[in-house]
Amino acid sequence: MLMKTAPHQPSFLYKLFSLFSVLRGYNLIVIVLAQLLSAVFIFAPEFAPLQTLAEAHLWLLVFASAACVAGGYIINNFFDTEKDLINRPQKTLLEQHISAPTKLTVYFVLNTLMVVLALWVSVRAALFFVFYALLIALYSYKIERMLFLRNLLSAFLAIAPFLAIALYFKNFSALVLVFASYLFLMICIRELVKDLENLQGDLILNYKTLPVVYGTVATQLFISFLTLVLLGNLWVLLQRFELGAMQYYFWVSLPVWLLFLGLLWKSTHKKHYLSLHSLLKVLILCGIVSIVLLKV
């Protein structure tokens, strides 16, 4: 008589890696780094790195942001599993080693941690993050399927952690606003490229994205328009503000954006849009790291 063998159970480390993928751990690390660098080099009223980094409330806000964003990734993963199985099957299969109840438990733990950390700063900070978490949940549940609004809200949610730091330091200078608009435009462009990349899954599941409703060419035209607006924003940054050695990042990024436009119009397959998405990720990461050059 043949005995049934027990199904292979993934190891603890494998499950941990799966959870890291669900939480998009790499993105969380980048967000924390970006908040700390922007706090020291952009938002703080005086350039005093050690003094700024010694502020306990700053770290509480940074960790509250990370907890909120991580919770957002979980709830987004929860609602997008069907679409991700079409667009990113290998990644989705890896993440399915974390059960839905476990994801929801981690989600509630992260949001509770977020509120506790923010309350330690102030009631207003806690209200800010509660509103932020509700917006993320609303986006994942409903707005992600809505034309245009999905891209605008997604870009806003991406820069909201920096808004928290700006509110903490009460810094809304012209430089901060131009930086914020540059980042907002960059993320809008990235979101539209992701829509082109994920066209197959969005089409099957009836997500109202720009490529689904108006087609690939119209989306490329709109991305090109946003890129030209971004280049205008970039020119204002270079001409009107003292950027220190960070100006070299922006000068180098000018031909990269022109290359991006050229490649965009030559792209016809998912792998092409994936490459463009990777290029934008590199631009964003280099921009974050180059913040340290503002004071050089």
C-alpha atoms as a PDB file:
ATOM      1  CA  MET A   1       0.000   0.000   0.000  1.00  0.00           C
ATOM      2  CA  LEU A   2       1.437   3.330  -1.051  1.00  0.00           C
ATOM      3  CA  MET A   3       1.626   6.011   1.610  1.00  0.00           C
ATOM      4  CA  LYS A   4       0.787   9.624   0.763  1.00  0.00           C
ATOM      5  CA  THR A   5       3.629  12.031   1.244  1.00  0.00           C
ATOM      6  CA  ALA A   6       2.934  15.289   3.008  1.00  0.00           C
ATOM      7  CA  PRO A   7       3.016  18.364   0.760  1.00  0.00           C
ATOM      8  CA  HIS A   8       6.264  20.231   0.847  1.00  0.00           C
ATOM      9  CA  GLN A   9       6.105  23.079   3.339  1.00  0.00           C
ATOM     10  CA  PRO A  10       8.180  26.168   2.528  1.00  0.00           C
ATOM     11  CA  SER A  11      10.852  26.996   5.090  1.00  0.00           C
ATOM     12  CA  PHE A  12      10.581  29.903   7.522  1.00  0.00           C
ATOM     13  CA  LEU A  13      13.214  31.854   5.574  1.00  0.00           C
ATOM     14  CA  TYR A  14      11.301  31.294   2.339  1.00  0.00           C
ATOM     15  CA  LYS A  15       8.103  32.608   3.954  1.00  0.00           C
ATOM     16  CA  LEU A  16      10.044  35.568   5.315  1.00  0.00           C
ATOM     17  CA  PHE A  17      11.295  36.320   1.821  1.00  0.00           C
ATOM     18  CA  SER A  18       7.715  36.024   0.536  1.00  0.00           C
ATOM     19  CA  LEU A  19       6.545  38.527   3.157  1.00  0.00           C
ATOM     20  CA  PHE A  20       9.425  40.855   2.215  1.00  0.00           C
ATOM     21  CA  SER A  21       8.138  40.677  -1.376  1.00  0.00           C
ATOM     22  CA  VAL A  22       4.545  41.423  -0.307  1.00  0.00           C
ATOM     23  CA  LEU A  23       5.738  44.403   1.748  1.00  0.00           C
ATOM     24  CA  ARG A  24       8.060  45.480  -1.079  1.00  0.00           C
ATOM     25  CA  GLY A  25      10.901  45.763   1.379  1.00  0.00           C
ATOM     26  CA  TYR A  26      13.238  47.381  -1.161  1.00  0.00           C
ATOM     27  CA  ASN A  27      10.754  50.229  -1.695  1.00  0.00           C
ATOM     28  CA  LEU A  28      10.384  50.728   2.068  1.00  0.00           C
ATOM     29  CA  ILE A  29      14.150  51.032   2.495  1.00  0.00           C
ATOM     30  CA  VAL A  30      14.279  53.612  -0.310  1.00  0.00           C
ATOM     31  CA  ILE A  31      11.401  55.612   1.224  1.00  0.00           C
ATOM     32  CA  VAL A  32      13.067  55.687   4.664  1.00  0.00           C
ATOM     33  CA  LEU A  33      16.381  56.758   3.133  1.00  0.00           C
ATOM     34  CA  ALA A  34      14.675  59.436   1.023  1.00  0.00           C
ATOM     35  CA  GLN A  35      12.797  60.865   4.020  1.00  0.00           C
ATOM     36  CA  LEU A  36      15.922  61.068   6.163  1.00  0.00           C
ATOM     37  CA  LEU A  37      18.035  62.657   3.416  1.00  0.00           C
ATOM     38  CA  SER A  38      15.332  65.167   2.512  1.00  0.00           C
ATOM     39  CA  ALA A  39      14.879  66.028   6.209  1.00  0.00           C
ATOM     40  CA  VAL A  40      18.585  66.778   6.626  1.00  0.00           C
ATOM     41  CA  PHE A  41      19.341  68.454   3.288  1.00  0.00           C
ATOM     42  CA  ILE A  42      16.020  70.032   2.228  1.00  0.00           C
ATOM     43  CA  PHE A  43      13.433  70.480   4.996  1.00  0.00           C
ATOM     44  CA  ALA A  44      15.483  71.280   8.117  1.00  0.00           C
ATOM     45  CA  PRO A  45      15.714  75.086   8.602  1.00  0.00           C
ATOM     46  CA  GLU A  46      19.464  74.859   9.269  1.00  0.00           C
ATOM     47  CA  PHE A  47      22.015  72.413   7.917  1.00  0.00           C
ATOM     48  CA  ALA A  48      22.890  70.472  11.066  1.00  0.00           C
ATOM     49  CA  PRO A  49      22.868  66.768  10.122  1.00  0.00           C
ATOM     50  CA  LEU A  50      23.606  65.283  13.548  1.00  0.00           C
ATOM     51  CA  GLN A  51      21.165  67.594  15.293  1.00  0.00           C
ATOM     52  CA  THR A  52      18.410  66.849  12.769  1.00  0.00           C
ATOM     53  CA  LEU A  53      18.950  63.079  12.916  1.00  0.00           C
ATOM     54  CA  ALA A  54      18.930  63.239  16.726  1.00  0.00           C
ATOM     55  CA  GLU A  55      15.291  64.405  16.732  1.00  0.00           C
ATOM     56  CA  ALA A  56      13.196  61.524  18.055  1.00  0.00           C
ATOM     57  CA  HIS A  57       9.999  62.854  16.494  1.00  0.00           C
ATOM     58  CA  LEU A  58      11.568  62.723  13.032  1.00  0.00           C
ATOM     59  CA  TRP A  59      12.333  59.010  13.426  1.00  0.00           C
ATOM     60  CA  LEU A  60       8.825  58.360  14.742  1.00  0.00           C
ATOM     61  CA  LEU A  61       7.346  60.013  11.643  1.00  0.00           C
ATOM     62  CA  VAL A  62       9.671  58.077   9.347  1.00  0.00           C
ATOM     63  CA  PHE A  63       8.769  54.734  10.919  1.00  0.00           C
ATOM     64  CA  ALA A  64       5.061  55.648  10.977  1.00  0.00           C
ATOM     65  CA  SER A  65       5.336  56.399   7.239  1.00  0.00           C
ATOM     66  CA  ALA A  66       7.068  53.070   6.615  1.00  0.00           C
ATOM     67  CA  ALA A  67       4.382  51.180   8.579  1.00  0.00           C
ATOM     68  CA  CYS A  68       1.599  52.977   6.692  1.00  0.00           C
ATOM     69  CA  VAL A  69       3.154  52.375   3.267  1.00  0.00           C
ATOM     70  CA  ALA A  70       3.883  48.722   4.116  1.00  0.00           C
ATOM     71  CA  GLY A  71       0.248  48.285   5.122  1.00  0.00           C
ATOM     72  CA  GLY A  72      -0.741  49.900   1.843  1.00  0.00           C
ATOM     73  CA  TYR A  73       1.345  47.396  -0.097  1.00  0.00           C
ATOM     74  CA  ILE A  74      -0.432  44.555   1.719  1.00  0.00           C
ATOM     75  CA  ILE A  75      -3.939  45.837   1.009  1.00  0.00           C
ATOM     76  CA  ASN A  76      -2.976  46.561  -2.604  1.00  0.00           C
ATOM     77  CA  ASN A  77      -1.584  43.034  -2.921  1.00  0.00           C
ATOM     78  CA  PHE A  78      -4.803  41.665  -1.410  1.00  0.00           C
ATOM     79  CA  PHE A  79      -7.014  43.334  -4.044  1.00  0.00           C
ATOM     80  CA  ASP A  80      -4.615  42.961  -7.012  1.00  0.00           C
ATOM     81  CA  THR A  81      -3.764  39.256  -6.723  1.00  0.00           C
ATOM     82  CA  GLU A  82      -5.800  38.295  -9.801  1.00  0.00           C
ATOM     83  CA  LYS A  83      -4.260  41.020 -11.955  1.00  0.00           C
ATOM     84  CA  ASP A  84      -0.728  40.374 -10.671  1.00  0.00           C
ATOM     85  CA  LEU A  85      -1.115  36.665 -11.464  1.00  0.00           C
ATOM     86  CA  ILE A  86      -1.478  37.697 -15.123  1.00  0.00           C
ATOM     87  CA  ASN A  87       1.127  40.473 -15.219  1.00  0.00           C
ATOM     88  CA  ARG A  88       3.713  39.127 -12.741  1.00  0.00           C
ATOM     89  CA  PRO A  89       3.008  35.401 -12.277  1.00  0.00           C
ATOM     90  CA  GLN A  90       6.330  34.383 -10.698  1.00  0.00           C
ATOM     91  CA  LYS A  91       6.281  37.169  -8.099  1.00  0.00           C
ATOM     92  CA  THR A  92       2.622  36.469  -7.299  1.00  0.00           C
ATOM     93  CA  LEU A  93       3.220  32.725  -6.853  1.00  0.00           C
ATOM     94  CA  LEU A  94       6.054  33.532  -4.443  1.00  0.00           C
ATOM     95  CA  GLU A  95       3.788  35.834  -2.424  1.00  0.00           C
ATOM     96  CA  GLN A  96       0.994  33.246  -2.222  1.00  0.00           C
ATOM     97  CA  HIS A  97       3.018  31.418   0.427  1.00  0.00           C
ATOM     98  CA  ILE A  98       1.683  34.103   2.785  1.00  0.00           C
ATOM     99  CA  SER A  99      -1.967  33.332   3.509  1.00  0.00           C
ATOM    100  CA  ALA A 100      -4.708  35.966   3.319  1.00  0.00           C
ATOM    101  CA  PRO A 101      -5.378  35.845   7.114  1.00  0.00           C
ATOM    102  CA  THR A 102      -1.662  36.389   7.774  1.00  0.00           C
ATOM    103  CA  LYS A 103      -1.599  39.358   5.393  1.00  0.00           C
ATOM    104  CA  LEU A 104      -4.612  40.928   7.091  1.00  0.00           C
ATOM    105  CA  THR A 105      -3.112  40.353  10.544  1.00  0.00           C
ATOM    106  CA  VAL A 106       0.144  42.033   9.512  1.00  0.00           C
ATOM    107  CA  TYR A 107      -1.894  44.855   7.931  1.00  0.00           C
ATOM    108  CA  PHE A 108      -3.754  45.619  11.176  1.00  0.00           C
ATOM    109  CA  VAL A 109      -0.557  45.311  13.246  1.00  0.00           C
ATOM    110  CA  LEU A 110       1.238  47.780  10.963  1.00  0.00           C
ATOM    111  CA  ASN A 111      -1.615  50.287  11.063  1.00  0.00           C
ATOM    112  CA  THR A 112      -1.849  50.041  14.848  1.00  0.00           C
ATOM    113  CA  LEU A 113       1.907  50.620  15.066  1.00  0.00           C
ATOM    114  CA  MET A 114       1.522  53.582  12.709  1.00  0.00           C
ATOM    115  CA  VAL A 115      -1.092  55.242  14.946  1.00  0.00           C
ATOM    116  CA  VAL A 116       0.920  54.627  18.134  1.00  0.00           C
ATOM    117  CA  LEU A 117       4.107  56.093  16.636  1.00  0.00           C
ATOM    118  CA  ALA A 118       2.285  59.097  15.186  1.00  0.00           C
ATOM    119  CA  LEU A 119       0.417  59.780  18.457  1.00  0.00           C
ATOM    120  CA  TRP A 120       3.771  59.967  20.185  1.00  0.00           C
ATOM    121  CA  VAL A 121       4.472  62.990  17.958  1.00  0.00           C
ATOM    122  CA  SER A 122       1.029  64.645  18.091  1.00  0.00           C
ATOM    123  CA  VAL A 123      -2.677  64.038  17.580  1.00  0.00           C
ATOM    124  CA  ARG A 124      -2.488  65.920  14.268  1.00  0.00           C
ATOM    125  CA  ALA A 125       0.264  63.583  13.071  1.00  0.00           C
ATOM    126  CA  ALA A 126      -1.909  60.580  13.982  1.00  0.00           C
ATOM    127  CA  LEU A 127      -4.882  62.059  12.091  1.00  0.00           C
ATOM    128  CA  PHE A 128      -2.639  62.688   9.070  1.00  0.00           C
ATOM    129  CA  PHE A 129      -1.545  59.049   8.933  1.00  0.00           C
ATOM    130  CA  VAL A 130      -5.036  57.671   9.568  1.00  0.00           C
ATOM    131  CA  PHE A 131      -6.282  59.751   6.625  1.00  0.00           C
ATOM    132  CA  TYR A 132      -3.279  58.574   4.573  1.00  0.00           C
ATOM    133  CA  ALA A 133      -4.029  54.885   5.356  1.00  0.00           C
ATOM    134  CA  LEU A 134      -7.715  55.360   4.485  1.00  0.00           C
ATOM    135  CA  LEU A 135      -6.779  56.947   1.153  1.00  0.00           C
ATOM    136  CA  ILE A 136      -4.490  54.009   0.350  1.00  0.00           C
ATOM    137  CA  ALA A 137      -7.266  51.521   1.176  1.00  0.00           C
ATOM    138  CA  LEU A 138      -9.784  53.496  -0.909  1.00  0.00           C
ATOM    139  CA  TYR A 139      -7.321  53.601  -3.797  1.00  0.00           C
ATOM    140  CA  SER A 140      -6.734  49.845  -3.675  1.00  0.00           C
ATOM    141  CA  TYR A 141     -10.423  48.980  -3.310  1.00  0.00           C
ATOM    142  CA  LYS A 142     -12.052  51.409  -5.746  1.00  0.00           C
ATOM    143  CA  ILE A 143     -10.014  54.239  -7.263  1.00  0.00           C
ATOM    144  CA  GLU A 144      -7.364  51.996  -8.892  1.00  0.00           C
ATOM    145  CA  ARG A 145      -9.969  51.082 -11.514  1.00  0.00           C
ATOM    146  CA  MET A 146     -10.842  54.719 -12.324  1.00  0.00           C
ATOM    147  CA  LEU A 147      -9.413  56.559 -15.313  1.00  0.00           C
ATOM    148  CA  PHE A 148      -6.929  59.409 -14.587  1.00  0.00           C
ATOM    149  CA  LEU A 149      -7.875  59.626 -10.899  1.00  0.00           C
ATOM    150  CA  ARG A 150      -5.930  56.405 -10.260  1.00  0.00           C
ATOM    151  CA  ASN A 151      -2.691  57.919 -11.622  1.00  0.00           C
ATOM    152  CA  LEU A 152      -3.089  61.259  -9.842  1.00  0.00           C
ATOM    153  CA  LEU A 153      -3.901  59.693  -6.474  1.00  0.00           C
ATOM    154  CA  SER A 154      -1.133  57.100  -6.849  1.00  0.00           C
ATOM    155  CA  ALA A 155       1.433  59.867  -7.428  1.00  0.00           C
ATOM    156  CA  PHE A 156       0.072  61.866  -4.468  1.00  0.00           C
ATOM    157  CA  LEU A 157       0.239  58.815  -2.189  1.00  0.00           C
ATOM    158  CA  ALA A 158       3.857  58.299  -3.245  1.00  0.00           C
ATOM    159  CA  ILE A 159       4.917  61.814  -2.169  1.00  0.00           C
ATOM    160  CA  ALA A 160       2.733  61.929   0.985  1.00  0.00           C
ATOM    161  CA  PRO A 161       5.579  60.649   3.260  1.00  0.00           C
ATOM    162  CA  PHE A 162       7.604  63.705   2.212  1.00  0.00           C
ATOM    163  CA  LEU A 163       4.602  65.916   2.937  1.00  0.00           C
ATOM    164  CA  ALA A 164       4.638  64.561   6.504  1.00  0.00           C
ATOM    165  CA  ILE A 165       8.279  65.651   6.906  1.00  0.00           C
ATOM    166  CA  ALA A 166       7.575  69.050   5.321  1.00  0.00           C
ATOM    167  CA  LEU A 167       4.689  69.591   7.763  1.00  0.00           C
ATOM    168  CA  TYR A 168       6.924  68.605  10.679  1.00  0.00           C
ATOM    169  CA  PHE A 169       9.580  71.171   9.741  1.00  0.00           C
ATOM    170  CA  LYS A 170       6.953  73.687   8.465  1.00  0.00           C
ATOM    171  CA  ASN A 171       8.988  74.143   5.300  1.00  0.00           C
ATOM    172  CA  PHE A 172       7.078  74.980   2.117  1.00  0.00           C
ATOM    173  CA  SER A 173       9.667  77.120   0.370  1.00  0.00           C
ATOM    174  CA  ALA A 174       9.703  77.659  -3.400  1.00  0.00           C
ATOM    175  CA  LEU A 175      12.530  75.108  -3.746  1.00  0.00           C
ATOM    176  CA  VAL A 176      10.503  72.487  -1.861  1.00  0.00           C
ATOM    177  CA  LEU A 177       7.446  73.093  -4.058  1.00  0.00           C
ATOM    178  CA  VAL A 178       9.448  72.837  -7.306  1.00  0.00           C
ATOM    179  CA  PHE A 179      11.165  69.674  -6.047  1.00  0.00           C
ATOM    180  CA  ALA A 180       7.762  68.239  -5.123  1.00  0.00           C
ATOM    181  CA  SER A 181       6.309  69.019  -8.556  1.00  0.00           C
ATOM    182  CA  TYR A 182       9.335  67.398 -10.248  1.00  0.00           C
ATOM    183  CA  LEU A 183       8.892  64.233  -8.148  1.00  0.00           C
ATOM    184  CA  PHE A 184       5.125  64.247  -8.714  1.00  0.00           C
ATOM    185  CA  LEU A 185       5.560  64.445 -12.502  1.00  0.00           C
ATOM    186  CA  MET A 186       8.209  61.721 -12.461  1.00  0.00           C
ATOM    187  CA  ILE A 187       5.930  59.369 -10.523  1.00  0.00           C
ATOM    188  CA  CYS A 188       2.953  60.148 -12.811  1.00  0.00           C
ATOM    189  CA  ILE A 189       5.113  59.186 -15.794  1.00  0.00           C
ATOM    190  CA  ARG A 190       6.228  56.004 -14.049  1.00  0.00           C
ATOM    191  CA  GLU A 191       2.616  55.064 -13.268  1.00  0.00           C
ATOM    192  CA  LEU A 192       1.604  55.502 -16.917  1.00  0.00           C
ATOM    193  CA  VAL A 193       4.548  53.374 -18.064  1.00  0.00           C
ATOM    194  CA  LYS A 194       3.400  50.714 -15.566  1.00  0.00           C
ATOM    195  CA  ASP A 195      -0.067  50.903 -17.146  1.00  0.00           C
ATOM    196  CA  LEU A 196       1.493  50.141 -20.548  1.00  0.00           C
ATOM    197  CA  GLU A 197       3.498  47.331 -18.977  1.00  0.00           C
ATOM    198  CA  ASN A 198       0.397  45.828 -17.311  1.00  0.00           C
ATOM    199  CA  LEU A 199      -1.965  46.317 -20.246  1.00  0.00           C
ATOM    200  CA  GLN A 200      -2.836  42.620 -20.589  1.00  0.00           C
ATOM    201  CA  GLY A 201      -4.037  42.155 -17.002  1.00  0.00           C
ATOM    202  CA  ASP A 202      -5.827  45.529 -16.928  1.00  0.00           C
ATOM    203  CA  LEU A 203      -7.647  44.712 -20.163  1.00  0.00           C
ATOM    204  CA  ILE A 204      -8.802  41.283 -18.974  1.00  0.00           C
ATOM    205  CA  LEU A 205     -10.022  42.584 -15.595  1.00  0.00           C
ATOM    206  CA  ASN A 206     -11.512  45.816 -16.995  1.00  0.00           C
ATOM    207  CA  TYR A 207      -9.287  48.335 -15.197  1.00  0.00           C
ATOM    208  CA  LYS A 208      -9.966  51.788 -16.690  1.00  0.00           C
ATOM    209  CA  THR A 209      -6.389  52.762 -17.458  1.00  0.00           C
ATOM    210  CA  LEU A 210      -5.318  55.166 -20.184  1.00  0.00           C
ATOM    211  CA  PRO A 211      -3.944  52.398 -22.470  1.00  0.00           C
ATOM    212  CA  VAL A 212      -7.133  50.323 -22.046  1.00  0.00           C
ATOM    213  CA  VAL A 213      -9.525  53.203 -22.792  1.00  0.00           C
ATOM    214  CA  TYR A 214      -7.591  55.289 -25.344  1.00  0.00           C
ATOM    215  CA  GLY A 215      -4.898  52.941 -26.624  1.00  0.00           C
ATOM    216  CA  THR A 216      -1.106  52.762 -26.557  1.00  0.00           C
ATOM    217  CA  VAL A 217      -0.387  55.687 -28.905  1.00  0.00           C
ATOM    218  CA  ALA A 218      -2.558  58.134 -26.934  1.00  0.00           C
ATOM    219  CA  THR A 219      -0.806  57.031 -23.726  1.00  0.00           C
ATOM    220  CA  GLN A 220       2.617  57.562 -25.306  1.00  0.00           C
ATOM    221  CA  LEU A 221       1.522  61.041 -26.404  1.00  0.00           C
ATOM    222  CA  PHE A 222       0.374  61.907 -22.893  1.00  0.00           C
ATOM    223  CA  ILE A 223       3.604  60.553 -21.359  1.00  0.00           C
ATOM    224  CA  SER A 224       5.573  62.654 -23.865  1.00  0.00           C
ATOM    225  CA  PHE A 225       3.586  65.762 -22.865  1.00  0.00           C
ATOM    226  CA  LEU A 226       4.243  65.121 -19.155  1.00  0.00           C
ATOM    227  CA  THR A 227       7.933  64.555 -19.896  1.00  0.00           C
ATOM    228  CA  LEU A 228       8.166  67.932 -21.664  1.00  0.00           C
ATOM    229  CA  VAL A 229       6.464  69.602 -18.680  1.00  0.00           C
ATOM    230  CA  LEU A 230       8.962  67.834 -16.396  1.00  0.00           C
ATOM    231  CA  LEU A 231      11.869  69.095 -18.520  1.00  0.00           C
ATOM    232  CA  GLY A 232      10.495  72.626 -18.140  1.00  0.00           C
ATOM    233  CA  ASN A 233      10.352  72.081 -14.385  1.00  0.00           C
ATOM    234  CA  LEU A 234      13.913  70.794 -14.506  1.00  0.00           C
ATOM    235  CA  TRP A 235      15.070  73.895 -16.367  1.00  0.00           C
ATOM    236  CA  VAL A 236      13.477  76.137 -13.714  1.00  0.00           C
ATOM    237  CA  LEU A 237      15.327  74.190 -11.017  1.00  0.00           C
ATOM    238  CA  LEU A 238      18.652  74.643 -12.788  1.00  0.00           C
ATOM    239  CA  GLN A 239      18.174  78.332 -13.595  1.00  0.00           C
ATOM    240  CA  ARG A 240      16.442  79.712 -10.503  1.00  0.00           C
ATOM    241  CA  PHE A 241      17.799  77.786  -7.508  1.00  0.00           C
ATOM    242  CA  GLU A 242      21.120  77.127  -5.849  1.00  0.00           C
ATOM    243  CA  LEU A 243      21.455  73.345  -6.056  1.00  0.00           C
ATOM    244  CA  GLY A 244      25.078  72.840  -5.094  1.00  0.00           C
ATOM    245  CA  ALA A 245      26.646  69.788  -6.704  1.00  0.00           C
ATOM    246  CA  MET A 246      23.174  68.255  -7.130  1.00  0.00           C
ATOM    247  CA  GLN A 247      22.908  70.316 -10.315  1.00  0.00           C
ATOM    248  CA  TYR A 248      25.119  67.694 -11.994  1.00  0.00           C
ATOM    249  CA  TYR A 249      22.448  65.048 -11.376  1.00  0.00           C
ATOM    250  CA  PHE A 250      19.906  67.236 -13.147  1.00  0.00           C
ATOM    251  CA  TRP A 251      22.258  68.078 -16.025  1.00  0.00           C
ATOM    252  CA  VAL A 252      22.981  64.370 -16.546  1.00  0.00           C
ATOM    253  CA  SER A 253      19.276  63.520 -16.291  1.00  0.00           C
ATOM    254  CA  LEU A 254      18.416  65.873 -19.205  1.00  0.00           C
ATOM    255  CA  PRO A 255      19.817  63.601 -21.961  1.00  0.00           C
ATOM    256  CA  VAL A 256      18.484  60.556 -20.066  1.00  0.00           C
ATOM    257  CA  TRP A 257      14.955  61.970 -20.317  1.00  0.00           C
ATOM    258  CA  LEU A 258      15.463  62.607 -24.032  1.00  0.00           C
ATOM    259  CA  LEU A 259      16.660  58.991 -24.379  1.00  0.00           C
ATOM    260  CA  PHE A 260      13.557  57.897 -22.455  1.00  0.00           C
ATOM    261  CA  LEU A 261      11.335  59.711 -24.972  1.00  0.00           C
ATOM    262  CA  GLY A 262      13.120  58.088 -27.909  1.00  0.00           C
ATOM    263  CA  LEU A 263      12.829  54.608 -26.396  1.00  0.00           C
ATOM    264  CA  LEU A 264       9.185  55.208 -25.475  1.00  0.00           C
ATOM    265  CA  TRP A 265       8.196  55.661 -29.113  1.00  0.00           C
ATOM    266  CA  LYS A 266      10.145  52.571 -30.149  1.00  0.00           C
ATOM    267  CA  SER A 267       8.480  50.410 -27.487  1.00  0.00           C
ATOM    268  CA  THR A 268       5.916  47.882 -28.641  1.00  0.00           C
ATOM    269  CA  HIS A 269       6.118  44.974 -26.164  1.00  0.00           C
ATOM    270  CA  LYS A 270       5.843  44.481 -22.429  1.00  0.00           C
ATOM    271  CA  LYS A 271       9.608  43.878 -22.087  1.00  0.00           C
ATOM    272  CA  HIS A 272      10.263  47.318 -23.618  1.00  0.00           C
ATOM    273  CA  TYR A 273       7.998  49.040 -21.078  1.00  0.00           C
ATOM    274  CA  LEU A 274       9.595  47.009 -18.303  1.00  0.00           C
ATOM    275  CA  SER A 275      12.991  48.394 -19.380  1.00  0.00           C
ATOM    276  CA  LEU A 276      11.598  51.946 -19.367  1.00  0.00           C
ATOM    277  CA  HIS A 277      10.158  51.348 -15.899  1.00  0.00           C
ATOM    278  CA  SER A 278      13.583  50.165 -14.703  1.00  0.00           C
ATOM    279  CA  LEU A 279      15.204  53.277 -16.202  1.00  0.00           C
ATOM    280  CA  LEU A 280      12.775  55.491 -14.255  1.00  0.00           C
ATOM    281  CA  LYS A 281      13.534  53.557 -11.057  1.00  0.00           C
ATOM    282  CA  VAL A 282      17.253  54.236 -11.552  1.00  0.00           C
ATOM    283  CA  LEU A 283      16.551  57.951 -12.145  1.00  0.00           C
ATOM    284  CA  ILE A 284      14.495  58.162  -8.950  1.00  0.00           C
ATOM    285  CA  LEU A 285      17.080  56.276  -6.879  1.00  0.00           C
ATOM    286  CA  CYS A 286      19.950  58.402  -8.207  1.00  0.00           C
ATOM    287  CA  GLY A 287      17.912  61.525  -7.462  1.00  0.00           C
ATOM    288  CA  ILE A 288      17.407  60.415  -3.856  1.00  0.00           C
ATOM    289  CA  VAL A 289      21.089  59.638  -3.333  1.00  0.00           C
ATOM    290  CA  SER A 290      22.151  62.920  -4.972  1.00  0.00           C
ATOM    291  CA  ILE A 291      20.209  64.917  -2.365  1.00  0.00           C
ATOM    292  CA  VAL A 292      23.382  64.814  -0.271  1.00  0.00           C
ATOM    293  CA  LEU A 293      25.063  66.936  -2.977  1.00  0.00           C
ATOM    294  CA  LEU A 294      22.774  69.909  -2.264  1.00  0.00           C
ATOM    295  CA  LYS A 295      25.163  71.147   0.411  1.00  0.00           C
ATOM    296  CA  VAL A 296      28.359  70.358  -1.516  1.00  0.00           C
END
